[in-house]
Amino acid sequence: MCDSGVLPLGRILRKLQKFGLKPHELAIVVKISEQKLYLVKDGGIIKTYPVSTSKYGVGNQKGSHRTPLGTHRIYKKIGDGAKIGAIFEHNVDTGRVATIHTDETESGEDLITTRIMWLEGLEPGINRGEGIDSRDRHIYIHGTPEEWLIGKPASHGCIRMKNRDVVELFNLVREGTLVEIVE
């Protein structure tokens, strides 16, 4: 497949190859301006998911609640087998299950549900290092009980997904999968 007009896939994949992306491996591209996550392989998009990135915009500073740009990898996958809507605190399944809202009901909390793919920045000075480290900032791809907000910026820095979508993605990728976050 060739580059689409909105996603410079060829350029992104060439960058990911510098970070070790091999032929036939899956990678993830998050395009903030589109509020979409693309699962890519061998130069083509194989799956597209709507997402929600930070309502505060892009940025890498600790405490900014912004979504960081650049190359990451999935550092750790958490929640395999957890129930849809399982609530995680400090990366642990609490045993509680959130009500998933598809209408305009706000949960009142920034809950992390169903699955977690914890991201680690790979670019020193961009998303890795003191005060800007994505892993230390606990930047995740995760489910949310506020599914009605998916498709527009609403998170506190993480990449939120619909719960069934995050389960599907979790099952398709492995720890170490490369993730590129672009504006």
C-alpha atoms as a PDB file:
ATOM      1  CA  MET A   1       0.000   0.000   0.000  1.00  0.00           C
ATOM      2  CA  CYS A   2       1.125   3.563  -0.502  1.00  0.00           C
ATOM      3  CA  ASP A   3       1.001   6.553   1.813  1.00  0.00           C
ATOM      4  CA  SER A   4      -2.386   8.075   2.383  1.00  0.00           C
ATOM      5  CA  GLY A   5      -2.697  11.837   2.148  1.00  0.00           C
ATOM      6  CA  VAL A   6      -3.355  12.151   5.869  1.00  0.00           C
ATOM      7  CA  LEU A   7      -0.942   9.561   7.237  1.00  0.00           C
ATOM      8  CA  PRO A   8       2.648   9.668   5.917  1.00  0.00           C
ATOM      9  CA  LEU A   9       2.967   5.942   6.523  1.00  0.00           C
ATOM     10  CA  GLY A  10       6.115   5.411   4.456  1.00  0.00           C
ATOM     11  CA  ARG A  11       8.035   8.073   6.399  1.00  0.00           C
ATOM     12  CA  ILE A  12       6.746   6.757   9.737  1.00  0.00           C
ATOM     13  CA  LEU A  13       7.694   3.170   8.894  1.00  0.00           C
ATOM     14  CA  ARG A  14      11.198   4.232   7.796  1.00  0.00           C
ATOM     15  CA  LYS A  15      11.613   5.904  11.191  1.00  0.00           C
ATOM     16  CA  LEU A  16      10.344   2.803  13.008  1.00  0.00           C
ATOM     17  CA  GLN A  17      12.809   0.640  11.066  1.00  0.00           C
ATOM     18  CA  LYS A  18      15.597   2.690  12.673  1.00  0.00           C
ATOM     19  CA  PHE A  19      14.183   1.544  16.019  1.00  0.00           C
ATOM     20  CA  GLY A  20      14.187  -2.108  14.955  1.00  0.00           C
ATOM     21  CA  LEU A  21      10.899  -2.665  13.112  1.00  0.00           C
ATOM     22  CA  LYS A  22      11.370  -5.782  11.009  1.00  0.00           C
ATOM     23  CA  PRO A  23       9.404  -6.976   7.958  1.00  0.00           C
ATOM     24  CA  HIS A  24       6.116  -8.700   8.842  1.00  0.00           C
ATOM     25  CA  GLU A  25       6.028  -7.142  12.340  1.00  0.00           C
ATOM     26  CA  LEU A  26       3.047  -5.187  13.571  1.00  0.00           C
ATOM     27  CA  ALA A  27       3.433  -1.573  14.647  1.00  0.00           C
ATOM     28  CA  ILE A  28       1.028   1.033  15.980  1.00  0.00           C
ATOM     29  CA  VAL A  29       0.653   4.597  14.725  1.00  0.00           C
ATOM     30  CA  VAL A  30      -1.450   7.090  16.700  1.00  0.00           C
ATOM     31  CA  LYS A  31      -2.469  10.178  14.710  1.00  0.00           C
ATOM     32  CA  ILE A  32      -3.605  12.785  17.215  1.00  0.00           C
ATOM     33  CA  SER A  33      -5.192  15.183  14.708  1.00  0.00           C
ATOM     34  CA  GLU A  34      -7.446  12.347  13.521  1.00  0.00           C
ATOM     35  CA  GLN A  35      -7.964  10.743  16.975  1.00  0.00           C
ATOM     36  CA  LYS A  36      -7.160   7.393  15.361  1.00  0.00           C
ATOM     37  CA  LEU A  37      -4.878   4.474  16.086  1.00  0.00           C
ATOM     38  CA  TYR A  38      -3.638   2.490  13.108  1.00  0.00           C
ATOM     39  CA  LEU A  39      -2.331  -1.052  13.335  1.00  0.00           C
ATOM     40  CA  VAL A  40       0.148  -1.398  10.488  1.00  0.00           C
ATOM     41  CA  LYS A  41       2.142  -4.202   8.926  1.00  0.00           C
ATOM     42  CA  ASP A  42       4.337  -4.470   5.828  1.00  0.00           C
ATOM     43  CA  GLY A  43       3.634  -0.904   4.742  1.00  0.00           C
ATOM     44  CA  GLY A  44      -0.145  -1.078   4.994  1.00  0.00           C
ATOM     45  CA  ILE A  45      -2.872  -0.269   7.476  1.00  0.00           C
ATOM     46  CA  ILE A  46      -4.560  -3.472   8.601  1.00  0.00           C
ATOM     47  CA  LYS A  47      -6.889  -2.054  11.265  1.00  0.00           C
ATOM     48  CA  THR A  48      -8.062   1.412  12.367  1.00  0.00           C
ATOM     49  CA  TYR A  49      -9.476   2.271  15.773  1.00  0.00           C
ATOM     50  CA  PRO A  50     -10.933   5.536  17.084  1.00  0.00           C
ATOM     51  CA  VAL A  51      -9.109   6.824  20.167  1.00  0.00           C
ATOM     52  CA  SER A  52      -9.056   9.712  22.576  1.00  0.00           C
ATOM     53  CA  THR A  53      -5.794  11.480  23.373  1.00  0.00           C
ATOM     54  CA  SER A  54      -5.186  14.303  25.849  1.00  0.00           C
ATOM     55  CA  LYS A  55      -7.687  17.115  26.193  1.00  0.00           C
ATOM     56  CA  TYR A  56      -4.640  19.274  27.045  1.00  0.00           C
ATOM     57  CA  GLY A  57      -2.913  18.643  23.707  1.00  0.00           C
ATOM     58  CA  VAL A  58       0.547  17.268  23.011  1.00  0.00           C
ATOM     59  CA  GLY A  59       3.548  17.534  25.270  1.00  0.00           C
ATOM     60  CA  ASN A  60       6.121  15.551  27.133  1.00  0.00           C
ATOM     61  CA  GLN A  61       6.503  17.294  30.512  1.00  0.00           C
ATOM     62  CA  LYS A  62       5.744  15.304  33.655  1.00  0.00           C
ATOM     63  CA  GLY A  63       2.554  16.622  35.227  1.00  0.00           C
ATOM     64  CA  SER A  64       1.349  18.267  31.996  1.00  0.00           C
ATOM     65  CA  HIS A  65      -1.352  15.627  31.337  1.00  0.00           C
ATOM     66  CA  ARG A  66      -0.461  15.918  27.641  1.00  0.00           C
ATOM     67  CA  THR A  67       0.069  13.117  25.133  1.00  0.00           C
ATOM     68  CA  PRO A  68       3.740  12.698  24.182  1.00  0.00           C
ATOM     69  CA  LEU A  69       4.881  12.463  20.580  1.00  0.00           C
ATOM     70  CA  GLY A  70       7.554  10.250  19.059  1.00  0.00           C
ATOM     71  CA  THR A  71       8.616   6.627  19.021  1.00  0.00           C
ATOM     72  CA  HIS A  72       7.640   4.351  21.893  1.00  0.00           C
ATOM     73  CA  ARG A  73       7.401   0.652  22.501  1.00  0.00           C
ATOM     74  CA  ILE A  74       4.949  -1.369  24.535  1.00  0.00           C
ATOM     75  CA  TYR A  75       6.930  -1.828  27.729  1.00  0.00           C
ATOM     76  CA  LYS A  76       4.386  -3.996  29.479  1.00  0.00           C
ATOM     77  CA  LYS A  77       0.961  -5.499  28.798  1.00  0.00           C
ATOM     78  CA  ILE A  78      -1.316  -5.684  31.844  1.00  0.00           C
ATOM     79  CA  GLY A  79      -4.746  -7.216  32.323  1.00  0.00           C
ATOM     80  CA  ASP A  80      -4.792 -10.333  30.157  1.00  0.00           C
ATOM     81  CA  GLY A  81      -8.100 -12.082  30.855  1.00  0.00           C
ATOM     82  CA  ALA A  82      -9.601  -9.239  32.911  1.00  0.00           C
ATOM     83  CA  LYS A  83     -13.321  -8.557  32.509  1.00  0.00           C
ATOM     84  CA  ILE A  84     -14.535  -5.848  30.135  1.00  0.00           C
ATOM     85  CA  GLY A  85     -14.663  -2.720  32.294  1.00  0.00           C
ATOM     86  CA  ALA A  86     -12.297  -4.055  34.969  1.00  0.00           C
ATOM     87  CA  ILE A  87     -10.898  -1.052  36.856  1.00  0.00           C
ATOM     88  CA  PHE A  88      -7.114  -0.852  37.285  1.00  0.00           C
ATOM     89  CA  GLU A  89      -5.331   1.212  39.907  1.00  0.00           C
ATOM     90  CA  HIS A  90      -1.534   1.267  40.061  1.00  0.00           C
ATOM     91  CA  ASN A  91      -1.543  -1.396  37.302  1.00  0.00           C
ATOM     92  CA  VAL A  92      -3.541  -3.834  39.434  1.00  0.00           C
ATOM     93  CA  ASP A  93      -7.048  -5.136  38.720  1.00  0.00           C
ATOM     94  CA  THR A  94      -9.107  -3.846  41.665  1.00  0.00           C
ATOM     95  CA  GLY A  95     -11.821  -6.462  41.194  1.00  0.00           C
ATOM     96  CA  ARG A  96     -14.295  -3.647  40.523  1.00  0.00           C
ATOM     97  CA  VAL A  97     -15.988  -3.242  37.141  1.00  0.00           C
ATOM     98  CA  ALA A  98     -16.945   0.133  35.677  1.00  0.00           C
ATOM     99  CA  THR A  99     -20.204   0.840  33.933  1.00  0.00           C
ATOM    100  CA  ILE A 100     -19.375   1.586  30.291  1.00  0.00           C
ATOM    101  CA  HIS A 101     -21.131   4.734  29.072  1.00  0.00           C
ATOM    102  CA  THR A 102     -21.921   5.229  25.401  1.00  0.00           C
ATOM    103  CA  ASP A 103     -24.227   8.161  26.171  1.00  0.00           C
ATOM    104  CA  GLU A 104     -22.974  11.463  27.573  1.00  0.00           C
ATOM    105  CA  THR A 105     -22.626  10.213  31.144  1.00  0.00           C
ATOM    106  CA  GLU A 106     -19.397  11.316  32.795  1.00  0.00           C
ATOM    107  CA  SER A 107     -17.840   8.895  35.240  1.00  0.00           C
ATOM    108  CA  GLY A 108     -16.321  11.731  37.262  1.00  0.00           C
ATOM    109  CA  GLU A 109     -13.007   9.892  37.331  1.00  0.00           C
ATOM    110  CA  ASP A 110     -10.157   9.190  34.900  1.00  0.00           C
ATOM    111  CA  LEU A 111     -10.552   5.417  35.161  1.00  0.00           C
ATOM    112  CA  ILE A 112      -8.255   2.924  33.467  1.00  0.00           C
ATOM    113  CA  THR A 113     -10.266  -0.081  32.370  1.00  0.00           C
ATOM    114  CA  THR A 114     -10.058  -3.517  30.730  1.00  0.00           C
ATOM    115  CA  ARG A 115      -6.419  -3.621  29.474  1.00  0.00           C
ATOM    116  CA  ILE A 116      -3.227  -1.580  29.750  1.00  0.00           C
ATOM    117  CA  MET A 117      -0.413  -1.317  27.241  1.00  0.00           C
ATOM    118  CA  TRP A 118       2.227   0.715  29.091  1.00  0.00           C
ATOM    119  CA  LEU A 119       4.403   2.788  26.769  1.00  0.00           C
ATOM    120  CA  GLU A 120       8.118   3.438  27.044  1.00  0.00           C
ATOM    121  CA  GLY A 121       9.621   6.352  25.136  1.00  0.00           C
ATOM    122  CA  LEU A 122      12.616   5.504  22.966  1.00  0.00           C
ATOM    123  CA  GLU A 123      13.793   9.006  22.013  1.00  0.00           C
ATOM    124  CA  PRO A 124      16.092  10.737  24.517  1.00  0.00           C
ATOM    125  CA  GLY A 125      15.111  14.366  24.964  1.00  0.00           C
ATOM    126  CA  ILE A 126      11.710  13.790  23.345  1.00  0.00           C
ATOM    127  CA  ASN A 127       9.937  11.112  25.399  1.00  0.00           C
ATOM    128  CA  ARG A 128      12.765   9.550  27.391  1.00  0.00           C
ATOM    129  CA  GLY A 129      14.726  11.166  30.187  1.00  0.00           C
ATOM    130  CA  GLU A 130      14.332  13.189  33.335  1.00  0.00           C
ATOM    131  CA  GLY A 131      11.007  15.025  33.562  1.00  0.00           C
ATOM    132  CA  ILE A 132       9.777  13.866  30.134  1.00  0.00           C
ATOM    133  CA  ASP A 133       9.889  10.069  30.361  1.00  0.00           C
ATOM    134  CA  SER A 134       6.710   8.437  28.998  1.00  0.00           C
ATOM    135  CA  ARG A 135       7.218   5.285  31.072  1.00  0.00           C
ATOM    136  CA  ASP A 136       7.719   7.259  34.285  1.00  0.00           C
ATOM    137  CA  ARG A 137       4.658   9.351  33.366  1.00  0.00           C
ATOM    138  CA  HIS A 138       2.603   6.134  33.091  1.00  0.00           C
ATOM    139  CA  ILE A 139       1.471   6.811  29.530  1.00  0.00           C
ATOM    140  CA  TYR A 140      -0.790   3.937  28.525  1.00  0.00           C
ATOM    141  CA  ILE A 141      -3.064   2.711  25.807  1.00  0.00           C
ATOM    142  CA  HIS A 142      -6.105   1.614  27.831  1.00  0.00           C
ATOM    143  CA  GLY A 143      -9.873   1.233  27.973  1.00  0.00           C
ATOM    144  CA  THR A 144     -12.244   3.851  29.384  1.00  0.00           C
ATOM    145  CA  PRO A 145     -15.763   3.803  30.824  1.00  0.00           C
ATOM    146  CA  GLU A 146     -16.478   7.042  28.914  1.00  0.00           C
ATOM    147  CA  GLU A 147     -16.672   5.483  25.460  1.00  0.00           C
ATOM    148  CA  TRP A 148     -18.853   8.347  24.208  1.00  0.00           C
ATOM    149  CA  LEU A 149     -15.747  10.570  24.361  1.00  0.00           C
ATOM    150  CA  ILE A 150     -13.745   8.323  22.031  1.00  0.00           C
ATOM    151  CA  GLY A 151     -12.933  10.222  18.848  1.00  0.00           C
ATOM    152  CA  LYS A 152     -12.223  13.526  20.581  1.00  0.00           C
ATOM    153  CA  PRO A 153      -9.438  14.665  22.926  1.00  0.00           C
ATOM    154  CA  ALA A 154     -10.515  13.810  26.481  1.00  0.00           C
ATOM    155  CA  SER A 155      -7.730  11.959  28.326  1.00  0.00           C
ATOM    156  CA  HIS A 156      -5.132  13.096  30.819  1.00  0.00           C
ATOM    157  CA  GLY A 157      -2.228  12.102  28.541  1.00  0.00           C
ATOM    158  CA  CYS A 158      -2.942   8.468  27.770  1.00  0.00           C
ATOM    159  CA  ILE A 159      -4.490   6.995  24.649  1.00  0.00           C
ATOM    160  CA  ARG A 160      -7.992   5.814  25.491  1.00  0.00           C
ATOM    161  CA  MET A 161      -9.824   3.178  23.468  1.00  0.00           C
ATOM    162  CA  LYS A 162     -13.224   1.526  23.509  1.00  0.00           C
ATOM    163  CA  ASN A 163     -13.020  -1.496  25.773  1.00  0.00           C
ATOM    164  CA  ARG A 164     -13.686  -4.171  23.148  1.00  0.00           C
ATOM    165  CA  ASP A 165     -11.212  -2.457  20.823  1.00  0.00           C
ATOM    166  CA  VAL A 166      -8.485  -2.405  23.469  1.00  0.00           C
ATOM    167  CA  VAL A 167      -8.989  -6.134  24.104  1.00  0.00           C
ATOM    168  CA  GLU A 168      -8.666  -6.839  20.380  1.00  0.00           C
ATOM    169  CA  LEU A 169      -5.521  -4.723  20.038  1.00  0.00           C
ATOM    170  CA  PHE A 170      -4.023  -6.189  23.239  1.00  0.00           C
ATOM    171  CA  ASN A 171      -4.453  -9.685  21.787  1.00  0.00           C
ATOM    172  CA  LEU A 172      -2.833  -8.733  18.462  1.00  0.00           C
ATOM    173  CA  VAL A 173       0.345  -7.031  19.713  1.00  0.00           C
ATOM    174  CA  ARG A 174       3.183  -8.106  21.952  1.00  0.00           C
ATOM    175  CA  GLU A 175       5.398  -6.435  24.502  1.00  0.00           C
ATOM    176  CA  GLY A 176       8.033  -4.633  22.492  1.00  0.00           C
ATOM    177  CA  THR A 177       5.665  -3.592  19.671  1.00  0.00           C
ATOM    178  CA  LEU A 178       6.709  -0.181  18.361  1.00  0.00           C
ATOM    179  CA  VAL A 179       4.286   2.746  18.697  1.00  0.00           C
ATOM    180  CA  GLU A 180       4.676   6.047  16.852  1.00  0.00           C
ATOM    181  CA  ILE A 181       2.619   8.993  18.089  1.00  0.00           C
ATOM    182  CA  VAL A 182       2.305  11.848  15.581  1.00  0.00           C
ATOM    183  CA  GLU A 183       0.330  15.074  15.460  1.00  0.00           C
END
